[in-house]
Amino acid sequence: MQTISYTSYSAPTWRPERWAGVLYLVIIFSGITSEMILRGPLLASFNPAAGIAQNLGTFRISLLGDITMLAADIGLAVILFRLIRFTSPSLAVASMVFRLMQAALIGTGVLMLAAVPLIVTTDPALVSVLLESHAIAYDIGLIFFGIGTMLLVIALWSRNGVPTLILTGLFLSGLIYIGGGIVRVAFPAHVTTYEAAFILPFIAESAFCLWLLIKARV
């Protein structure tokens, strides 16, 4: 009598590393959508206040994108802390704190943007001040984010779970983030020129995101 064997199928385990990859993806998608696709064209016009006034719906949706990015970033900070807390407890805490500090500064900037619709038709000059203040808060946040990223890389280096190329890219990205914040504060006339440097962080962060999603290992 012939027996039939059945091979059981088990779905891929959703480990914390994969959830970190999902949150990275949310951060990248929501950040690009809110800042570059939705809000960017409005602010690039000759009269940003007028552009926002004519597209208030788009502007408000961009704020939801910012809030989504912030929520995902906070969640990611907690997951990354959990992943490295036993092998590098001090670095895990420090990295999370610096990342959350960046989130706090970005949240402050979003509050400034949220006030723009209230005065967009009555005080264009103040609108410009709020927009610039948001940009400054965001870039100062990059200094803390850069430090947190470098601390995370140092912690991950000892675990041998992430390719050296990705970790090197992330470490250099941390330096670029710090440089971006310094340029915004000390050399604002060179902000536009410095923006080209952010190509490397985009590539490195995307590579790390894919590694977490596919390999689920740190």
Protein backbone atom coordinates (compact mmCIF):
# COMPACT_ATOMS: atom_id res chain seq x y z
CA MET A 1 0.00 0.00 0.00
CA GLN A 2 1.43 3.33 -1.09
CA THR A 3 1.64 6.06 1.50
CA ILE A 4 1.42 9.70 0.63
CA SER A 5 3.52 12.11 2.58
CA TYR A 6 2.60 15.72 2.95
CA THR A 7 5.19 18.40 3.35
CA SER A 8 3.99 21.08 5.70
CA TYR A 9 4.40 24.66 4.58
CA SER A 10 5.41 27.32 7.00
CA ALA A 11 5.09 30.98 6.13
CA PRO A 12 8.16 33.19 6.47
CA THR A 13 8.69 34.24 10.06
CA TRP A 14 8.18 37.94 10.61
CA ARG A 15 11.12 38.59 12.81
CA PRO A 16 11.79 42.04 14.32
CA GLU A 17 14.39 42.64 11.61
CA ARG A 18 11.71 42.38 8.93
CA TRP A 19 9.44 44.76 10.80
CA ALA A 20 12.38 47.16 10.95
CA GLY A 21 12.69 46.83 7.17
CA VAL A 22 8.98 47.58 6.73
CA LEU A 23 9.28 50.70 8.88
CA TYR A 24 12.36 51.78 6.92
CA LEU A 25 10.29 51.42 3.76
CA VAL A 26 7.48 53.50 5.26
CA ILE A 27 9.97 56.20 6.28
CA ILE A 28 11.54 56.37 2.82
CA PHE A 29 8.20 56.36 0.96
CA SER A 30 6.35 58.82 3.22
CA GLY A 31 9.36 61.14 3.50
CA ILE A 32 9.88 61.37 -0.27
CA THR A 33 6.15 61.68 -0.93
CA SER A 34 5.49 64.44 1.58
CA GLU A 35 8.63 66.54 1.06
CA MET A 36 9.50 66.11 -2.60
CA ILE A 37 6.31 65.09 -4.40
CA LEU A 38 3.56 66.92 -2.50
CA ARG A 39 5.14 69.92 -0.76
CA GLY A 40 8.27 70.48 -2.84
CA PRO A 41 6.55 71.86 -5.96
CA LEU A 42 4.53 74.29 -3.82
CA LEU A 43 7.62 75.68 -2.08
CA ALA A 44 9.65 75.85 -5.29
CA SER A 45 7.33 78.46 -6.80
CA PHE A 46 8.21 82.16 -6.85
CA ASN A 47 5.58 82.80 -4.17
CA PRO A 48 5.37 79.78 -1.81
CA ALA A 49 2.54 81.32 0.23
CA ALA A 50 0.40 81.69 -2.88
CA GLY A 51 1.24 78.18 -4.02
CA ILE A 52 0.21 76.76 -0.65
CA ALA A 53 -2.98 78.85 -0.56
CA GLN A 54 -4.03 77.47 -3.94
CA ASN A 55 -3.24 73.88 -2.92
CA LEU A 56 -4.13 73.68 0.76
CA GLY A 57 -5.42 70.12 0.41
CA THR A 58 -2.12 68.92 -1.00
CA PHE A 59 -0.20 70.79 1.68
CA ARG A 60 -2.25 69.25 4.49
CA ILE A 61 -1.82 65.74 3.05
CA SER A 62 1.93 66.32 3.02
CA LEU A 63 1.72 66.94 6.77
CA LEU A 64 0.06 63.55 7.21
CA GLY A 65 3.01 62.07 5.36
CA ASP A 66 5.38 63.77 7.80
CA ILE A 67 3.44 62.40 10.77
CA THR A 68 3.47 58.90 9.26
CA MET A 69 7.23 59.15 8.79
CA LEU A 70 7.68 60.27 12.40
CA ALA A 71 5.58 57.43 13.80
CA ALA A 72 7.51 54.88 11.73
CA ASP A 73 10.83 56.38 12.80
CA ILE A 74 9.92 56.12 16.49
CA GLY A 75 8.86 52.51 15.99
CA LEU A 76 12.10 51.77 14.14
CA ALA A 77 14.15 53.31 16.96
CA VAL A 78 12.50 50.95 19.45
CA ILE A 79 13.01 47.85 17.28
CA LEU A 80 16.66 48.65 16.58
CA PHE A 81 17.18 49.17 20.30
CA ARG A 82 15.72 45.73 21.01
CA LEU A 83 17.90 44.10 18.38
CA ILE A 84 21.22 45.35 19.75
CA ARG A 85 20.51 45.95 23.44
CA PHE A 86 22.07 42.68 24.66
CA THR A 87 25.30 42.85 22.65
CA SER A 88 25.84 46.62 22.93
CA PRO A 89 23.57 48.00 25.68
CA SER A 90 25.19 51.44 25.97
CA LEU A 91 25.33 51.97 22.20
CA ALA A 92 21.75 50.75 21.88
CA VAL A 93 20.47 53.34 24.36
CA ALA A 94 22.58 56.16 22.94
CA SER A 95 21.61 55.40 19.35
CA MET A 96 17.90 55.33 20.23
CA VAL A 97 18.08 58.57 22.21
CA PHE A 98 19.82 60.44 19.39
CA ARG A 99 17.31 59.08 16.86
CA LEU A 100 14.38 60.12 19.06
CA MET A 101 15.93 63.57 19.47
CA GLN A 102 15.82 63.94 15.73
CA ALA A 103 12.18 62.86 15.75
CA ALA A 104 11.39 65.50 18.37
CA LEU A 105 12.99 68.24 16.25
CA ILE A 106 11.20 67.11 13.10
CA GLY A 107 7.95 67.05 15.06
CA THR A 108 8.59 70.64 16.11
CA GLY A 109 9.10 71.53 12.47
CA VAL A 110 5.83 69.84 11.50
CA LEU A 111 4.02 71.94 14.12
CA MET A 112 5.38 75.04 12.37
CA LEU A 113 4.11 73.77 9.02
CA ALA A 114 0.72 72.97 10.54
CA ALA A 115 0.35 76.65 11.47
CA VAL A 116 0.96 77.81 7.89
CA PRO A 117 -2.63 77.30 6.62
CA LEU A 118 -3.88 79.55 9.43
CA ILE A 119 -1.99 82.60 8.13
CA VAL A 120 -1.20 81.74 4.52
CA THR A 121 -3.54 84.39 3.11
CA THR A 122 -2.99 87.06 5.75
CA ASP A 123 0.73 87.06 6.55
CA PRO A 124 2.96 85.74 3.71
CA ALA A 125 6.08 87.04 5.45
CA LEU A 126 5.40 84.93 8.53
CA VAL A 127 4.71 81.95 6.27
CA SER A 128 8.23 82.30 4.88
CA VAL A 129 9.64 82.42 8.42
CA LEU A 130 7.75 79.24 9.40
CA LEU A 131 8.88 77.40 6.28
CA GLU A 132 12.50 78.35 6.89
CA SER A 133 12.23 77.46 10.58
CA HIS A 134 10.92 74.03 9.61
CA ALA A 135 13.91 73.51 7.30
CA ILE A 136 16.31 74.56 10.05
CA ALA A 137 14.69 72.26 12.63
CA TYR A 138 14.83 69.36 10.16
CA ASP A 139 18.51 69.86 9.38
CA ILE A 140 19.52 70.35 13.01
CA GLY A 141 17.75 67.06 13.62
CA LEU A 142 20.04 65.50 11.03
CA ILE A 143 23.01 66.17 13.32
CA PHE A 144 21.46 64.00 16.04
CA PHE A 145 20.32 61.44 13.48
CA GLY A 146 23.82 61.26 12.03
CA ILE A 147 25.34 60.59 15.46
CA GLY A 148 22.70 57.96 16.18
CA THR A 149 23.35 56.28 12.84
CA MET A 150 27.10 56.10 13.46
CA LEU A 151 26.54 54.63 16.94
CA LEU A 152 24.19 52.04 15.43
CA VAL A 153 26.79 51.09 12.83
CA ILE A 154 29.46 50.64 15.53
CA ALA A 155 27.10 48.32 17.42
CA LEU A 156 26.23 46.33 14.29
CA TRP A 157 29.87 45.98 13.24
CA SER A 158 30.58 43.68 16.17
CA ARG A 159 27.67 41.39 15.28
CA ASN A 160 28.87 40.54 11.73
CA GLY A 161 25.27 40.26 10.52
CA VAL A 162 25.18 43.11 7.98
CA PRO A 163 27.59 43.35 5.00
CA THR A 164 30.55 45.64 5.56
CA LEU A 165 29.70 47.61 2.42
CA ILE A 166 26.27 48.55 3.77
CA LEU A 167 27.66 49.44 7.19
CA THR A 168 30.38 51.57 5.63
CA GLY A 169 27.77 53.40 3.57
CA LEU A 170 25.66 54.00 6.67
CA PHE A 171 28.64 55.28 8.65
CA LEU A 172 29.56 57.72 5.88
CA SER A 173 25.89 58.70 5.70
CA GLY A 174 26.05 59.64 9.37
CA LEU A 175 28.91 62.01 8.62
CA ILE A 176 26.95 63.49 5.71
CA TYR A 177 23.89 64.01 7.90
CA ILE A 178 25.99 65.81 10.50
CA GLY A 179 27.58 67.92 7.77
CA GLY A 180 24.17 68.83 6.40
CA GLY A 181 23.03 70.16 9.76
CA ILE A 182 26.23 72.13 10.23
CA VAL A 183 25.96 73.65 6.75
CA ARG A 184 22.35 74.71 7.41
CA VAL A 185 23.28 76.46 10.66
CA ALA A 186 26.72 77.90 9.85
CA PHE A 187 26.82 78.17 6.04
CA PRO A 188 23.19 78.48 4.85
CA ALA A 189 24.23 79.91 1.48
CA HIS A 190 25.74 76.51 0.60
CA VAL A 191 22.74 74.33 1.50
CA THR A 192 21.69 73.81 -2.12
CA THR A 193 25.22 72.85 -3.15
CA TYR A 194 25.50 70.33 -0.29
CA GLU A 195 22.23 68.56 -1.20
CA ALA A 196 24.00 66.41 -3.81
CA ALA A 197 25.83 64.64 -0.97
CA PHE A 198 22.56 63.08 0.23
CA ILE A 199 22.60 60.66 -2.70
CA LEU A 200 24.89 58.34 -0.71
CA PRO A 201 22.63 58.21 2.38
CA PHE A 202 19.63 57.43 0.16
CA ILE A 203 21.49 54.51 -1.43
CA ALA A 204 22.88 53.24 1.90
CA GLU A 205 19.56 53.49 3.77
CA SER A 206 17.72 51.78 0.89
CA ALA A 207 20.30 48.96 0.85
CA PHE A 208 19.94 48.48 4.62
CA CYS A 209 16.16 48.48 4.25
CA LEU A 210 16.31 45.72 1.61
CA TRP A 211 18.78 43.71 3.72
CA LEU A 212 16.40 43.80 6.69
CA LEU A 213 13.41 42.84 4.53
CA ILE A 214 15.11 40.02 2.63
CA LYS A 215 17.76 38.62 4.96
CA ALA A 216 16.20 39.66 8.29
CA ARG A 217 19.56 39.57 10.00
CA VAL A 218 21.65 42.09 11.93
